[in-house]
Amino acid sequence: MKDGQLDDIDRHILRTLSRDGRISNQKLADTVNLSPTPCWHRVKALEEAGFITGYAAVFDQRRMGVPDTVIIEVTVDRHDDEIFKAFSDALAELPEVTEAYLLSGEYDYLIKVAVAGTEGYENFLRQKLYKLPGVRHTRSTFALRCLKRSPSVNP
């Protein structure tokens, strides 16, 4: 990486790590045609520059007992910093929520939730989401199937 800009080797490293974050440095070096030490230095530089922000295990929702994904749009009752902070903080604590976005437009938030069928969805709504501060209106859609899932943008 030179002057904060990614070169082709950096992009190759990032693509490889996005597919296998547990790859050994030796195998990564072989994959991107570097020797191990320069490869390790590049990975460390990418981490320090903030291109790599962490490593994580990705779980199979179905095997975890929550095979269904619901996309929920939420409108809060007031648009002030207090409600946005209280709602956002409370939302971050809900384990069913796998992604959450503050939006512009008709709805204030878009959240992605992992549930076990309609009963799990109803329980999430009644026991958790509707009890969060400021919720005025929601609109939900069940995902039929995931067509693409990526933990990050492909460099």
Protein backbone atom coordinates (compact mmCIF):
# COMPACT_ATOMS: atom_id res chain seq x y z
CA MET A 1 0.00 0.00 0.00
CA LYS A 2 1.45 3.31 -1.03
CA ASP A 3 0.10 6.66 0.16
CA GLY A 4 -3.03 4.96 1.50
CA GLN A 5 -3.87 3.55 -1.92
CA LEU A 6 -4.42 -0.15 -2.57
CA ASP A 7 -2.39 -1.83 -5.28
CA ASP A 8 -3.27 -5.06 -7.08
CA ILE A 9 -1.47 -7.23 -4.51
CA ASP A 10 -3.30 -5.54 -1.62
CA ARG A 11 -6.63 -6.14 -3.40
CA HIS A 12 -5.68 -9.79 -3.97
CA ILE A 13 -4.85 -10.15 -0.28
CA LEU A 14 -8.17 -8.58 0.73
CA ARG A 15 -10.18 -10.77 -1.67
CA THR A 16 -8.44 -13.89 -0.39
CA LEU A 17 -8.99 -12.94 3.26
CA SER A 18 -12.65 -12.17 2.57
CA ARG A 19 -13.10 -15.76 1.38
CA ASP A 20 -10.98 -17.30 4.15
CA GLY A 21 -10.11 -15.16 7.14
CA ARG A 22 -8.35 -18.13 8.77
CA ILE A 23 -5.91 -18.74 5.93
CA SER A 24 -2.33 -19.15 7.14
CA ASN A 25 0.17 -16.47 6.23
CA GLN A 26 2.17 -19.04 4.26
CA LYS A 27 -0.83 -20.06 2.16
CA LEU A 28 -1.89 -16.43 1.71
CA ALA A 29 1.63 -15.55 0.57
CA ASP A 30 1.59 -18.44 -1.92
CA THR A 31 -1.84 -17.36 -3.20
CA VAL A 32 -0.76 -13.77 -3.85
CA ASN A 33 2.74 -14.69 -5.08
CA LEU A 34 4.73 -13.14 -2.25
CA SER A 35 7.15 -14.56 0.27
CA PRO A 36 5.70 -14.88 3.81
CA THR A 37 7.42 -11.89 5.45
CA PRO A 38 6.36 -9.22 2.90
CA CYS A 39 2.87 -10.74 2.87
CA TRP A 40 2.64 -10.51 6.67
CA HIS A 41 3.84 -6.87 6.52
CA ARG A 42 1.20 -6.03 3.94
CA VAL A 43 -1.58 -7.61 6.02
CA LYS A 44 -0.41 -5.69 9.10
CA ALA A 45 -0.28 -2.44 7.07
CA LEU A 46 -3.83 -3.10 5.80
CA GLU A 47 -4.99 -3.65 9.39
CA GLU A 48 -3.24 -0.53 10.69
CA ALA A 49 -4.61 1.59 7.85
CA GLY A 50 -8.14 0.44 8.68
CA PHE A 51 -8.82 -1.55 5.51
CA ILE A 52 -9.16 -4.69 7.64
CA THR A 53 -11.27 -3.90 10.69
CA GLY A 54 -11.57 -7.38 12.15
CA TYR A 55 -12.02 -11.08 11.63
CA ALA A 56 -15.16 -13.04 12.47
CA ALA A 57 -16.77 -16.45 12.30
CA VAL A 58 -19.95 -16.52 10.21
CA PHE A 59 -22.71 -18.73 11.60
CA ASP A 60 -25.35 -20.67 9.70
CA GLN A 61 -28.72 -19.19 10.75
CA ARG A 62 -30.56 -22.42 10.01
CA ARG A 63 -28.26 -24.48 12.24
CA MET A 64 -28.55 -21.82 14.94
CA GLY A 65 -32.34 -22.36 15.01
CA VAL A 66 -33.34 -19.07 13.37
CA PRO A 67 -33.66 -19.94 9.68
CA ASP A 68 -35.87 -17.04 8.61
CA THR A 69 -34.83 -13.49 7.81
CA VAL A 70 -37.23 -10.58 8.19
CA ILE A 71 -36.49 -7.09 6.90
CA ILE A 72 -38.24 -4.51 9.07
CA GLU A 73 -38.64 -0.83 8.30
CA VAL A 74 -39.18 1.29 11.40
CA THR A 75 -40.47 4.83 11.85
CA VAL A 76 -39.87 6.51 15.19
CA ASP A 77 -42.33 8.95 16.70
CA ARG A 78 -39.94 11.91 17.04
CA HIS A 79 -36.87 12.96 15.12
CA ASP A 80 -34.63 14.19 17.87
CA ASP A 81 -31.23 13.09 19.10
CA GLU A 82 -32.63 11.60 22.31
CA ILE A 83 -35.01 9.19 20.51
CA PHE A 84 -32.44 8.23 17.86
CA LYS A 85 -29.83 7.47 20.52
CA ALA A 86 -32.21 5.57 22.80
CA PHE A 87 -33.63 3.51 19.92
CA SER A 88 -30.22 2.81 18.39
CA ASP A 89 -28.68 1.78 21.72
CA ALA A 90 -31.60 -0.53 22.55
CA LEU A 91 -31.61 -2.04 19.04
CA ALA A 92 -27.90 -2.84 19.28
CA GLU A 93 -28.61 -5.05 22.32
CA LEU A 94 -31.08 -7.35 20.53
CA PRO A 95 -29.34 -10.59 19.46
CA GLU A 96 -31.91 -11.30 16.71
CA VAL A 97 -30.87 -8.12 14.87
CA THR A 98 -28.10 -8.98 12.42
CA GLU A 99 -27.94 -5.60 10.66
CA ALA A 100 -29.44 -2.16 11.30
CA TYR A 101 -29.29 1.04 9.29
CA LEU A 102 -30.38 4.62 9.95
CA LEU A 103 -32.07 5.77 6.75
CA SER A 104 -33.11 8.84 4.86
CA GLY A 105 -36.53 8.72 3.24
CA GLU A 106 -39.90 7.33 4.29
CA TYR A 107 -38.63 5.11 7.15
CA ASP A 108 -36.06 5.95 9.79
CA TYR A 109 -34.47 2.51 10.22
CA LEU A 110 -34.07 -0.70 8.26
CA ILE A 111 -33.26 -3.74 10.34
CA LYS A 112 -32.53 -7.33 9.38
CA VAL A 113 -33.67 -9.89 11.92
CA ALA A 114 -33.11 -13.65 12.24
CA VAL A 115 -36.18 -15.49 13.58
CA ALA A 116 -37.71 -18.96 13.74
CA GLY A 117 -40.83 -18.67 11.59
CA THR A 118 -43.89 -16.49 12.08
CA GLU A 119 -44.11 -17.36 15.77
CA GLY A 120 -40.51 -16.24 16.35
CA TYR A 121 -41.24 -13.09 14.36
CA GLU A 122 -44.36 -12.29 16.38
CA ASN A 123 -42.46 -12.85 19.64
CA PHE A 124 -39.67 -10.55 18.46
CA LEU A 125 -42.16 -7.82 17.55
CA ARG A 126 -44.29 -8.03 20.69
CA GLN A 127 -41.63 -8.81 23.28
CA LYS A 128 -38.76 -6.73 21.94
CA LEU A 129 -39.19 -4.32 19.02
CA TYR A 130 -42.47 -2.74 20.11
CA LYS A 131 -41.02 -2.17 23.58
CA LEU A 132 -38.13 -0.08 22.26
CA PRO A 133 -38.35 3.67 22.84
CA GLY A 134 -39.97 5.74 20.13
CA VAL A 135 -41.37 3.07 17.78
CA ARG A 136 -44.35 4.53 15.92
CA HIS A 137 -44.75 2.31 12.85
CA THR A 138 -43.18 -0.76 11.28
CA ARG A 139 -43.45 -2.57 7.97
CA SER A 140 -42.02 -6.07 7.59
CA THR A 141 -41.10 -8.39 4.76
CA PHE A 142 -40.02 -12.03 5.03
CA ALA A 143 -37.02 -12.87 2.84
CA LEU A 144 -37.76 -15.95 0.74
CA ARG A 145 -34.12 -16.75 0.00
CA CYS A 146 -30.74 -15.05 0.21
CA LEU A 147 -29.30 -14.44 -3.25
CA LYS A 148 -26.01 -12.91 -2.12
CA ARG A 149 -24.33 -12.43 1.23
CA SER A 150 -20.96 -10.85 1.71
CA PRO A 151 -19.42 -9.64 4.97
CA SER A 152 -17.75 -6.73 3.18
CA VAL A 153 -17.31 -5.05 -0.16
CA ASN A 154 -15.10 -6.90 -2.64
CA PRO A 155 -11.94 -4.86 -3.41
